[in-house]
C-alpha atoms as a PDB file:
ATOM      1  CA  MET A   1     -12.311  39.807 102.838  1.00  0.00           C
ATOM      2  CA  MET A   2      -9.559  37.898 101.063  1.00  0.00           C
ATOM      3  CA  SER A   3     -10.188  36.654  97.554  1.00  0.00           C
ATOM      4  CA  LEU A   4     -10.109  32.967  96.702  1.00  0.00           C
ATOM      5  CA  ASN A   5      -7.014  33.655  94.603  1.00  0.00           C
ATOM      6  CA  TYR A   6      -5.279  34.959  97.726  1.00  0.00           C
ATOM      7  CA  TYR A   7      -5.785  31.579  99.406  1.00  0.00           C
ATOM      8  CA  ARG A   8      -4.777  29.750  96.204  1.00  0.00           C
ATOM      9  CA  ASP A   9      -1.515  31.692  96.209  1.00  0.00           C
ATOM     10  CA  GLU A  10      -1.032  31.192  99.941  1.00  0.00           C
ATOM     11  CA  ALA A  11      -1.324  27.411  99.529  1.00  0.00           C
ATOM     12  CA  GLY A  12       0.965  27.339  96.503  1.00  0.00           C
ATOM     13  CA  ASN A  13       3.569  29.609  98.069  1.00  0.00           C
ATOM     14  CA  PHE A  14       3.561  27.519 101.250  1.00  0.00           C
ATOM     15  CA  MET A  15       4.222  24.366  99.246  1.00  0.00           C
ATOM     16  CA  GLU A  16       7.081  26.136  97.442  1.00  0.00           C
ATOM     17  CA  ARG A  17       8.595  27.312 100.758  1.00  0.00           C
ATOM     18  CA  ILE A  18       8.702  23.774 102.118  1.00  0.00           C
ATOM     19  CA  ASN A  19      10.004  22.402  98.786  1.00  0.00           C
ATOM     20  CA  ALA A  20       6.901  20.301  98.244  1.00  0.00           C
ATOM     21  CA  SER A  21       5.536  21.993  95.143  1.00  0.00           C
ATOM     22  CA  ASP A  22       6.848  19.396  92.705  1.00  0.00           C
ATOM     23  CA  GLY A  23       4.065  16.864  93.280  1.00  0.00           C
ATOM     24  CA  CYS A  24       2.129  15.824  90.212  1.00  0.00           C
ATOM     25  CA  THR A  25      -1.584  16.431  89.919  1.00  0.00           C
ATOM     26  CA  GLU A  26      -2.335  12.704  90.008  1.00  0.00           C
ATOM     27  CA  ASP A  27      -0.622  12.444  93.399  1.00  0.00           C
ATOM     28  CA  LYS A  28      -2.621  15.397  94.687  1.00  0.00           C
ATOM     29  CA  ILE A  29      -5.834  13.801  93.481  1.00  0.00           C
ATOM     30  CA  LYS A  30      -4.888  10.601  95.333  1.00  0.00           C
ATOM     31  CA  MET A  31      -4.338  12.707  98.450  1.00  0.00           C
ATOM     32  CA  LEU A  32      -7.728  14.330  97.879  1.00  0.00           C
ATOM     33  CA  ASP A  33      -9.311  10.865  97.636  1.00  0.00           C
ATOM     34  CA  GLU A  34      -7.728   9.913 100.968  1.00  0.00           C
ATOM     35  CA  GLU A  35      -8.916  13.132 102.592  1.00  0.00           C
ATOM     36  CA  TYR A  36     -12.410  12.529 101.225  1.00  0.00           C
ATOM     37  CA  LYS A  37     -12.465   9.061 102.822  1.00  0.00           C
ATOM     38  CA  LEU A  38     -11.474  10.638 106.132  1.00  0.00           C
ATOM     39  CA  PHE A  39     -14.120  13.316 105.567  1.00  0.00           C
ATOM     40  CA  LYS A  40     -16.850  10.679 105.211  1.00  0.00           C
ATOM     41  CA  GLU A  41     -15.604   8.876 108.323  1.00  0.00           C
ATOM     42  CA  SER A  42     -15.746  12.070 110.382  1.00  0.00           C
ATOM     43  CA  ILE A  43     -19.326  13.004 109.579  1.00  0.00           C
ATOM     44  CA  ASN A  44     -20.369  12.659 113.230  1.00  0.00           C
ATOM     45  CA  ASN A  45     -17.399  14.586 114.605  1.00  0.00           C
ATOM     46  CA  PRO A  46     -17.694  18.309 113.743  1.00  0.00           C
ATOM     47  CA  GLU A  47     -14.115  19.103 114.765  1.00  0.00           C
ATOM     48  CA  LYS A  48     -12.638  16.417 112.513  1.00  0.00           C
ATOM     49  CA  LEU A  49     -15.110  17.302 109.773  1.00  0.00           C
ATOM     50  CA  ARG A  50     -13.966  20.949 109.788  1.00  0.00           C
ATOM     51  CA  HIS A  51     -10.352  19.854 109.568  1.00  0.00           C
ATOM     52  CA  GLN A  52     -11.048  17.514 106.654  1.00  0.00           C
ATOM     53  CA  ILE A  53     -12.802  20.312 104.777  1.00  0.00           C
ATOM     54  CA  TYR A  54      -9.704  22.472 105.314  1.00  0.00           C
ATOM     55  CA  ASP A  55      -7.387  19.696 104.091  1.00  0.00           C
ATOM     56  CA  MET A  56      -9.452  19.131 100.937  1.00  0.00           C
ATOM     57  CA  VAL A  57      -9.740  22.833 100.155  1.00  0.00           C
ATOM     58  CA  PHE A  58      -5.983  23.265 100.659  1.00  0.00           C
ATOM     59  CA  ILE A  59      -5.243  20.501  98.137  1.00  0.00           C
ATOM     60  CA  LEU A  60      -7.691  22.021  95.661  1.00  0.00           C
ATOM     61  CA  PHE A  61      -5.986  25.395  96.060  1.00  0.00           C
ATOM     62  CA  GLU A  62      -2.617  23.713  95.460  1.00  0.00           C
ATOM     63  CA  ILE A  63      -3.877  22.274  92.185  1.00  0.00           C
ATOM     64  CA  ALA A  64      -5.371  25.627  91.169  1.00  0.00           C
ATOM     65  CA  PHE A  65      -2.016  27.291  91.929  1.00  0.00           C
ATOM     66  CA  ASP A  66      -0.132  24.721  89.843  1.00  0.00           C
ATOM     67  CA  TYR A  67      -2.309  25.503  86.830  1.00  0.00           C
ATOM     68  CA  GLY A  68      -2.613  29.236  87.464  1.00  0.00           C
ATOM     69  CA  PHE A  69      -6.398  29.002  87.608  1.00  0.00           C
ATOM     70  CA  ASP A  70      -8.321  32.145  88.473  1.00  0.00           C
ATOM     71  CA  ILE A  71     -10.511  30.682  91.211  1.00  0.00           C
ATOM     72  CA  GLU A  72     -12.255  33.989  91.869  1.00  0.00           C
ATOM     73  CA  ALA A  73     -13.454  34.218  88.259  1.00  0.00           C
ATOM     74  CA  GLU A  74     -14.530  30.574  88.312  1.00  0.00           C
ATOM     75  CA  TRP A  75     -16.479  31.150  91.537  1.00  0.00           C
ATOM     76  CA  ILE A  76     -18.339  34.072  89.962  1.00  0.00           C
ATOM     77  CA  LYS A  77     -19.134  32.068  86.802  1.00  0.00           C
ATOM     78  CA  GLY A  78     -20.359  29.132  88.888  1.00  0.00           C
ATOM     79  CA  LYS A  79     -22.466  31.379  91.099  1.00  0.00           C
ATOM     80  CA  GLU A  80     -24.104  32.953  88.046  1.00  0.00           C
ATOM     81  CA  LYS A  81     -24.844  29.513  86.544  1.00  0.00           C
ATOM     82  CA  LYS A  82     -26.404  28.322  89.796  1.00  0.00           C
ATOM     83  CA  GLN A  83     -28.429  31.512  90.050  1.00  0.00           C
ATOM     84  CA  LYS A  84     -29.828  30.936  86.571  1.00  0.00           C
ATOM     85  CA  LYS A  85     -30.393  27.208  86.972  1.00  0.00           C
ATOM     86  CA  TYR A  86     -31.889  27.094  90.447  1.00  0.00           C
ATOM     87  CA  ILE A  87     -33.420  30.494  91.086  1.00  0.00           C
ATOM     88  CA  GLU A  88     -34.261  32.326  87.875  1.00  0.00           C
ATOM     89  CA  ASN A  89     -35.578  29.224  86.092  1.00  0.00           C
ATOM     90  CA  SER A  90     -37.425  27.798  89.074  1.00  0.00           C
ATOM     91  CA  TYR A  91     -40.445  30.088  88.933  1.00  0.00           C
ATOM     92  CA  ILE A  92     -43.637  28.413  87.793  1.00  0.00           C
ATOM     93  CA  GLU A  93     -45.806  30.610  85.660  1.00  0.00           C
END
């Protein structure tokens, strides 16, 4: 299985190869907003919905690449927080 950082780097390297890596974060967030609108519009069309999820994830990976974020570490931290919040603390004594 590939790590999330692998996909982050794949997205960032692709953007560099096509000379499109110079976009500012604000522009990428605007693109993400547009993709989210399309995502909401495609809720009843699974094929379009899958594609919109891909487009949004790709943009998020681009942003993570730009900042050098360790997405794998963030995923693990988030998973642990969710585990604590929703599973470990949900038992009624």
